[in-house]
Protein backbone atom coordinates (compact mmCIF):
# COMPACT_ATOMS: atom_id res chain seq x y z
CA MET A 1 -76.70 -52.65 -8.98
CA SER A 2 -75.09 -54.77 -6.28
CA THR A 3 -75.11 -58.52 -6.68
CA PHE A 4 -76.95 -60.85 -4.33
CA THR A 5 -76.95 -64.61 -3.97
CA THR A 6 -79.07 -67.51 -2.78
CA ARG A 7 -78.79 -71.26 -2.43
CA GLY A 8 -81.56 -73.80 -2.27
CA LEU A 9 -83.40 -76.86 -3.54
CA PHE A 10 -86.57 -76.51 -5.54
CA GLY A 11 -88.27 -79.88 -5.93
CA ARG A 12 -91.60 -81.61 -5.80
CA MET A 13 -91.73 -81.55 -2.01
CA ALA A 14 -90.71 -77.90 -1.67
CA ARG A 15 -93.22 -75.77 0.22
CA GLY A 16 -95.81 -78.53 0.06
CA MET A 17 -96.41 -78.11 -3.67
CA MET A 18 -98.30 -80.49 -5.88
CA PRO A 19 -96.19 -82.96 -7.94
CA ALA A 20 -94.77 -81.55 -11.16
CA VAL A 21 -96.74 -82.34 -14.30
CA SER A 22 -95.67 -82.70 -17.90
CA SER A 23 -96.22 -79.92 -20.43
CA ALA A 24 -98.75 -82.05 -22.27
CA ALA A 25 -100.73 -82.67 -19.10
CA LEU A 26 -100.67 -78.98 -18.30
CA ILE A 27 -102.07 -78.01 -21.69
CA PHE A 28 -104.68 -80.77 -21.48
CA GLY A 29 -105.76 -79.56 -18.05
CA ILE A 30 -106.12 -75.99 -19.23
CA LEU A 31 -108.23 -76.96 -22.23
CA LEU A 32 -110.47 -79.25 -20.19
CA GLY A 33 -111.46 -76.85 -17.54
CA LEU A 34 -109.10 -74.85 -15.38
CA THR A 35 -111.53 -72.13 -14.34
CA SER A 36 -108.90 -69.43 -14.18
CA ALA A 37 -106.66 -70.62 -17.01
CA ALA A 38 -103.98 -68.47 -18.60
CA HIS A 39 -105.54 -66.43 -21.39
CA ALA A 40 -103.88 -64.33 -24.03
CA ASP A 41 -104.03 -61.39 -26.30
CA LEU A 42 -100.46 -62.12 -27.39
CA ASP A 43 -100.49 -65.90 -27.36
CA GLY A 44 -103.48 -66.91 -25.30
CA HIS A 45 -102.35 -65.03 -22.20
CA GLY A 46 -103.78 -61.79 -20.83
CA PRO A 47 -107.16 -60.63 -19.48
CA ASP A 48 -109.17 -63.14 -17.44
CA SER A 49 -112.46 -62.12 -19.06
CA TRP A 50 -113.60 -61.07 -22.52
CA ARG A 51 -116.82 -59.70 -24.00
CA VAL A 52 -118.41 -59.56 -27.44
CA HIS A 53 -118.39 -56.18 -29.15
CA GLY A 54 -119.14 -54.80 -32.59
CA VAL A 55 -122.15 -57.11 -33.10
CA ALA A 56 -125.59 -55.60 -33.74
CA SER A 57 -128.17 -55.99 -30.96
CA ASN A 58 -130.38 -58.07 -33.24
CA ASP A 59 -127.54 -60.42 -34.21
CA VAL A 60 -125.21 -63.00 -32.61
CA LEU A 61 -121.51 -63.83 -32.86
CA ASN A 62 -120.94 -67.10 -34.69
CA ALA A 63 -118.56 -69.58 -33.05
CA ARG A 64 -117.08 -72.03 -35.56
CA MET A 65 -115.49 -75.46 -35.54
CA GLY A 66 -112.17 -74.00 -36.70
CA PRO A 67 -110.41 -70.65 -37.23
CA GLY A 68 -112.07 -69.38 -40.42
CA THR A 69 -115.37 -68.82 -42.19
CA ASN A 70 -114.91 -72.09 -44.11
CA TYR A 71 -115.63 -73.99 -40.87
CA ALA A 72 -119.19 -74.77 -39.76
CA VAL A 73 -120.94 -72.69 -37.11
CA ILE A 74 -121.32 -74.85 -33.98
CA GLU A 75 -122.36 -72.26 -31.35
CA THR A 76 -123.34 -68.61 -31.03
CA PHE A 77 -122.57 -65.96 -28.43
CA ALA A 78 -124.98 -63.13 -27.66
CA HIS A 79 -124.20 -59.67 -29.01
CA ASP A 80 -123.55 -58.49 -25.42
CA GLU A 81 -122.06 -61.72 -24.01
CA ARG A 82 -119.58 -61.17 -21.20
CA GLY A 83 -117.27 -63.28 -19.07
CA LEU A 84 -115.87 -65.24 -22.02
CA GLN A 85 -112.62 -67.14 -21.53
CA GLN A 86 -109.94 -67.23 -24.20
CA ILE A 87 -108.06 -70.52 -24.70
CA THR A 88 -105.72 -69.59 -27.58
CA CYS A 89 -105.52 -67.61 -30.81
CA VAL A 90 -104.07 -68.10 -34.30
CA PRO A 91 -101.80 -66.99 -35.85
CA PHE A 92 -99.91 -68.09 -32.74
CA TYR A 93 -96.91 -66.14 -31.50
CA THR A 94 -95.19 -65.84 -28.16
CA ALA A 95 -94.27 -62.58 -26.49
CA ALA A 96 -90.72 -63.01 -27.78
CA HIS A 97 -91.94 -63.46 -31.36
CA PHE A 98 -94.22 -60.45 -31.00
CA GLU A 99 -91.32 -58.36 -29.76
CA ARG A 100 -89.13 -59.27 -32.76
CA MET A 101 -91.78 -58.59 -35.43
CA THR A 102 -91.70 -55.33 -37.31
CA GLN A 103 -94.94 -53.42 -37.79
CA ALA A 104 -94.96 -54.47 -41.44
CA GLN A 105 -94.64 -58.14 -40.50
CA PHE A 106 -97.38 -57.79 -37.93
CA ASP A 107 -99.70 -56.09 -40.43
CA ALA A 108 -99.03 -58.86 -42.99
CA LEU A 109 -100.38 -61.59 -40.71
CA PRO A 110 -103.77 -63.09 -41.65
CA SER A 111 -106.86 -62.16 -39.66
CA ARG A 112 -106.70 -63.52 -36.14
CA TRP A 113 -109.17 -66.08 -34.75
CA CYS A 114 -109.54 -67.06 -31.10
CA LEU A 115 -110.92 -70.16 -29.42
CA MET A 116 -113.41 -68.91 -26.82
CA ARG A 117 -115.73 -70.50 -24.29
CA ASP A 118 -118.49 -69.07 -22.11
CA ARG A 119 -118.24 -68.77 -18.34
CA SER A 120 -120.28 -71.96 -17.83
CA MET A 121 -117.84 -73.81 -20.14
CA MET A 122 -120.86 -75.32 -21.93
CA LYS A 123 -120.26 -73.47 -25.22
CA ALA A 124 -117.00 -73.05 -27.11
CA GLY A 125 -115.85 -72.23 -30.63
CA TRP A 126 -113.59 -70.12 -32.83
CA VAL A 127 -114.52 -66.46 -33.38
CA ALA A 128 -112.91 -63.60 -35.29
CA GLN A 129 -110.77 -61.65 -32.83
CA ARG A 130 -112.14 -58.30 -34.02
CA PHE A 131 -115.45 -59.16 -32.32
CA ILE A 132 -114.02 -59.64 -28.81
CA THR A 133 -112.42 -57.21 -26.39
CA PRO A 134 -111.12 -57.48 -22.80
CA ASP A 135 -114.06 -57.38 -20.41
CA ASP A 136 -111.93 -56.00 -17.62
CA THR A 137 -111.46 -52.67 -19.42
CA VAL A 138 -114.62 -51.50 -17.64
CA ALA A 139 -112.87 -52.02 -14.30
CA ALA A 140 -110.50 -49.09 -14.78
CA PRO A 141 -111.93 -46.14 -16.73
CA ALA A 142 -109.37 -43.92 -18.39
CA GLY A 143 -109.78 -41.23 -15.75
CA MET A 144 -108.84 -43.67 -12.99
CA ILE A 145 -105.63 -44.94 -14.60
CA GLU A 146 -102.51 -43.43 -13.10
CA GLN A 147 -100.42 -42.17 -15.98
CA PRO A 148 -96.63 -42.13 -15.49
CA ALA A 149 -94.74 -38.99 -16.37
CA SER A 150 -93.04 -40.75 -19.27
CA ALA A 151 -92.32 -44.12 -20.87
CA ASP A 152 -88.89 -43.99 -19.22
CA GLU A 153 -90.52 -43.72 -15.80
CA GLU A 154 -92.75 -46.70 -16.56
CA ILE A 155 -89.72 -48.76 -17.63
CA GLU A 156 -87.97 -47.77 -14.40
CA GLN A 157 -91.01 -48.96 -12.43
CA ALA A 158 -90.91 -52.30 -14.26
CA GLN A 159 -87.18 -52.71 -13.59
CA ALA A 160 -87.69 -51.94 -9.90
CA MET A 161 -90.50 -54.50 -9.68
CA VAL A 162 -88.35 -57.30 -11.12
CA GLN A 163 -85.43 -56.37 -8.89
CA ASN A 164 -87.69 -56.27 -5.83
CA LEU A 165 -89.11 -59.67 -6.79
CA TYR A 166 -85.67 -61.29 -6.92
CA GLU A 167 -84.60 -59.66 -3.67
CA ALA A 168 -87.82 -60.83 -1.97
CA GLN A 169 -87.28 -64.36 -3.32
CA ILE A 170 -83.74 -64.48 -1.98
CA ARG A 171 -84.88 -63.29 1.47
CA ALA A 172 -87.55 -66.02 1.36
CA ASP A 173 -84.92 -68.64 0.42
CA ARG A 174 -82.95 -67.57 3.48
CA GLY A 175 -86.06 -68.03 5.61
CA THR A 176 -86.38 -64.40 6.65
CA GLU A 177 -89.57 -63.53 4.71
CA PRO A 178 -92.60 -65.26 3.12
CA ASP A 179 -92.11 -66.52 -0.42
CA PRO A 180 -93.27 -63.91 -2.99
CA LEU A 181 -94.47 -66.63 -5.38
CA PHE A 182 -97.03 -67.96 -2.92
CA GLY A 183 -99.62 -66.75 -0.47
CA GLY A 184 -100.87 -63.21 -0.81
CA LEU A 185 -97.65 -61.69 -2.11
CA ALA A 186 -97.70 -62.97 -5.70
CA GLY A 187 -100.42 -60.50 -6.68
CA ASN A 188 -97.99 -57.66 -5.99
CA TYR A 189 -95.91 -58.81 -8.97
CA PHE A 190 -97.97 -60.99 -11.34
CA THR A 191 -101.26 -60.87 -13.21
CA SER A 192 -104.09 -62.76 -11.51
CA ASP A 193 -104.04 -65.74 -13.88
CA ILE A 194 -100.34 -66.34 -13.19
CA VAL A 195 -101.04 -66.05 -9.46
CA ASP A 196 -103.58 -68.87 -9.81
CA LEU A 197 -101.05 -71.04 -11.65
CA LEU A 198 -98.40 -70.36 -9.04
CA GLN A 199 -100.78 -71.40 -6.27
CA SER A 200 -101.48 -74.66 -8.11
CA GLY A 201 -97.76 -75.55 -8.20
CA TRP A 202 -97.75 -76.11 -11.97
CA PHE A 203 -94.07 -75.78 -12.69
CA GLU A 204 -91.10 -78.12 -12.59
CA ALA A 205 -88.27 -75.57 -12.53
CA HIS A 206 -88.26 -72.44 -10.43
CA PRO A 207 -89.92 -69.61 -12.44
CA LEU A 208 -87.17 -67.15 -11.46
CA TYR A 209 -84.11 -69.42 -11.40
CA ASP A 210 -84.91 -71.96 -14.17
CA ALA A 211 -83.72 -74.83 -11.95
CA GLN A 212 -84.65 -77.16 -9.11
CA ASP A 213 -81.25 -76.96 -7.42
CA PHE A 214 -79.83 -73.48 -7.26
CA ASP A 215 -76.84 -71.52 -6.07
CA VAL A 216 -77.78 -68.24 -7.67
CA ARG A 217 -75.90 -64.98 -8.00
CA ILE A 218 -77.80 -62.10 -9.61
CA THR A 219 -75.46 -59.93 -11.63
CA ARG A 220 -77.69 -57.44 -13.45
CA ILE A 221 -81.35 -56.50 -13.86
CA ALA A 222 -82.05 -53.88 -16.52
CA PRO A 223 -84.41 -53.02 -19.39
CA ASP A 224 -83.83 -55.05 -22.54
CA PRO A 225 -81.22 -53.03 -24.44
CA ASP A 226 -82.70 -53.73 -27.88
CA GLN A 227 -86.37 -53.02 -27.20
CA PRO A 228 -87.32 -52.03 -23.64
CA MET A 229 -90.90 -51.12 -24.62
CA LEU A 230 -93.09 -52.11 -27.57
CA ARG A 231 -96.79 -51.26 -27.84
CA GLY A 232 -97.12 -50.96 -24.07
CA MET A 233 -95.20 -54.18 -23.31
CA ILE A 234 -92.05 -53.68 -21.23
CA THR A 235 -89.19 -56.18 -21.33
CA ILE A 236 -86.79 -56.47 -18.40
CA ARG A 237 -83.70 -58.67 -18.61
CA ALA A 238 -82.28 -60.46 -15.56
CA ASP A 239 -78.75 -61.88 -15.80
CA PHE A 240 -77.59 -64.33 -13.16
CA THR A 241 -75.38 -67.36 -12.62
CA ASN A 242 -76.47 -70.71 -11.22
CA PHE A 243 -73.60 -72.84 -9.90
CA GLY A 244 -71.35 -70.52 -11.90
CA HIS A 245 -73.18 -70.99 -15.22
CA PRO A 246 -74.48 -67.75 -16.81
CA ARG A 247 -78.25 -67.60 -17.30
CA THR A 248 -80.68 -64.99 -18.55
CA ALA A 249 -84.41 -64.52 -17.91
CA TYR A 250 -86.75 -62.06 -19.60
CA PHE A 251 -89.73 -60.54 -17.79
CA TYR A 252 -92.64 -59.13 -19.79
CA LEU A 253 -94.84 -56.57 -18.08
CA ARG A 254 -97.84 -54.47 -19.00
CA ARG A 255 -100.61 -52.55 -17.29
CA ASP A 256 -103.22 -54.78 -15.66
CA THR A 257 -106.61 -53.08 -15.86
CA THR A 258 -107.97 -55.35 -13.11
CA GLN A 259 -105.56 -53.68 -10.66
CA PRO A 260 -106.19 -50.31 -8.99
CA GLY A 261 -104.71 -47.63 -11.21
CA ALA A 262 -103.99 -50.27 -13.90
CA ALA A 263 -100.72 -51.14 -12.16
CA LEU A 264 -97.83 -52.81 -13.95
CA ARG A 265 -97.72 -56.57 -13.55
CA ILE A 266 -95.58 -59.43 -14.93
CA PHE A 267 -97.51 -61.57 -17.41
CA ARG A 268 -94.70 -63.85 -18.61
CA VAL A 269 -91.22 -65.00 -17.59
CA GLN A 270 -89.07 -66.47 -20.35
CA HIS A 271 -85.94 -68.60 -19.99
CA GLU A 272 -83.86 -70.37 -22.60
CA GLY A 273 -86.11 -72.98 -24.20
CA TRP A 274 -89.23 -72.43 -22.06
CA SER A 275 -91.42 -69.77 -20.55
CA TYR A 276 -93.79 -69.43 -17.62
CA PRO A 277 -96.65 -69.85 -18.17
C-alpha cells in the first residue's frame, strides 16, 4: 500500500477534550460508576450487556464477595436477570495474552469468575462465568448475520477498516474532514463502549499514533503474520514512524452483535506498553 503522512499536536486542549487523567483514576472511575464502562469477555471488554443463563427458574444466581465458592454470598441475581454489566474477570488476560495462548494452555486455566453488577448499580458480586452470556446476542439472530464468503474475506474487511481509519484520521488532521474518533463517525470503526470512552476524552496519547506530538508516516497495514485470526478475533498490524522512529500498533476486531449484520468493529488498540482501552 502507498504511504501517507500527517503532522499535528495532540494535547489536553485538542478538540476541546477533557483533561487527561491517570490510569489509576480511570480504573477508579470505571469501578465507581461509568454507566457505559468498557466490559470484557477477554479481559473485561466486550458486550455492553449480559444476562443470566443456565439457572433454574426456581433458583437464583449467587453473587459472592470474591471469585470462588469459598467466598460468602453477598447478593443474588434472578434466574432471568438481564442488563448486567461486567467489570472484570479472573483469570485476567489481555487480548495479546489470549492470542499467544495455545488451546492446551487455555483449557488448563482455572474456572473463570466475573465481577458483575445490575443495571441499577445497586447490586454487585462475583459469579461463575458459565452462568452469564452476552445479552446482546438476541439483537442479531443467526439468520440476520451476514456471513462472509471465507475467513480470508473477513480478514480483508478488517484490514480495509483499519486502513480507512488511518486515512480518515490523516484527512481530519489536515482539516479536510471530521475526526473519525469523535462525533458520529467513531461508531463506524469501534464498538459502542469504546465510542463512549472516546467521547469522554479519556486518553493521554493519541489512540492511533501513541503520542501527543506527531509527525506520522504510515508504512504498512496488514494482517498479523503470525496469527491473523483466532477464535473469531482478527488482528491487524499497523507499522508507522513518528518523527522517524518506527512504531507498531495492533488492532483487534471481532463481530459486534449490536451492529446490523453483526458488523466487524475494533474492540482494542494495543501499542508498546499500553493499550486502549
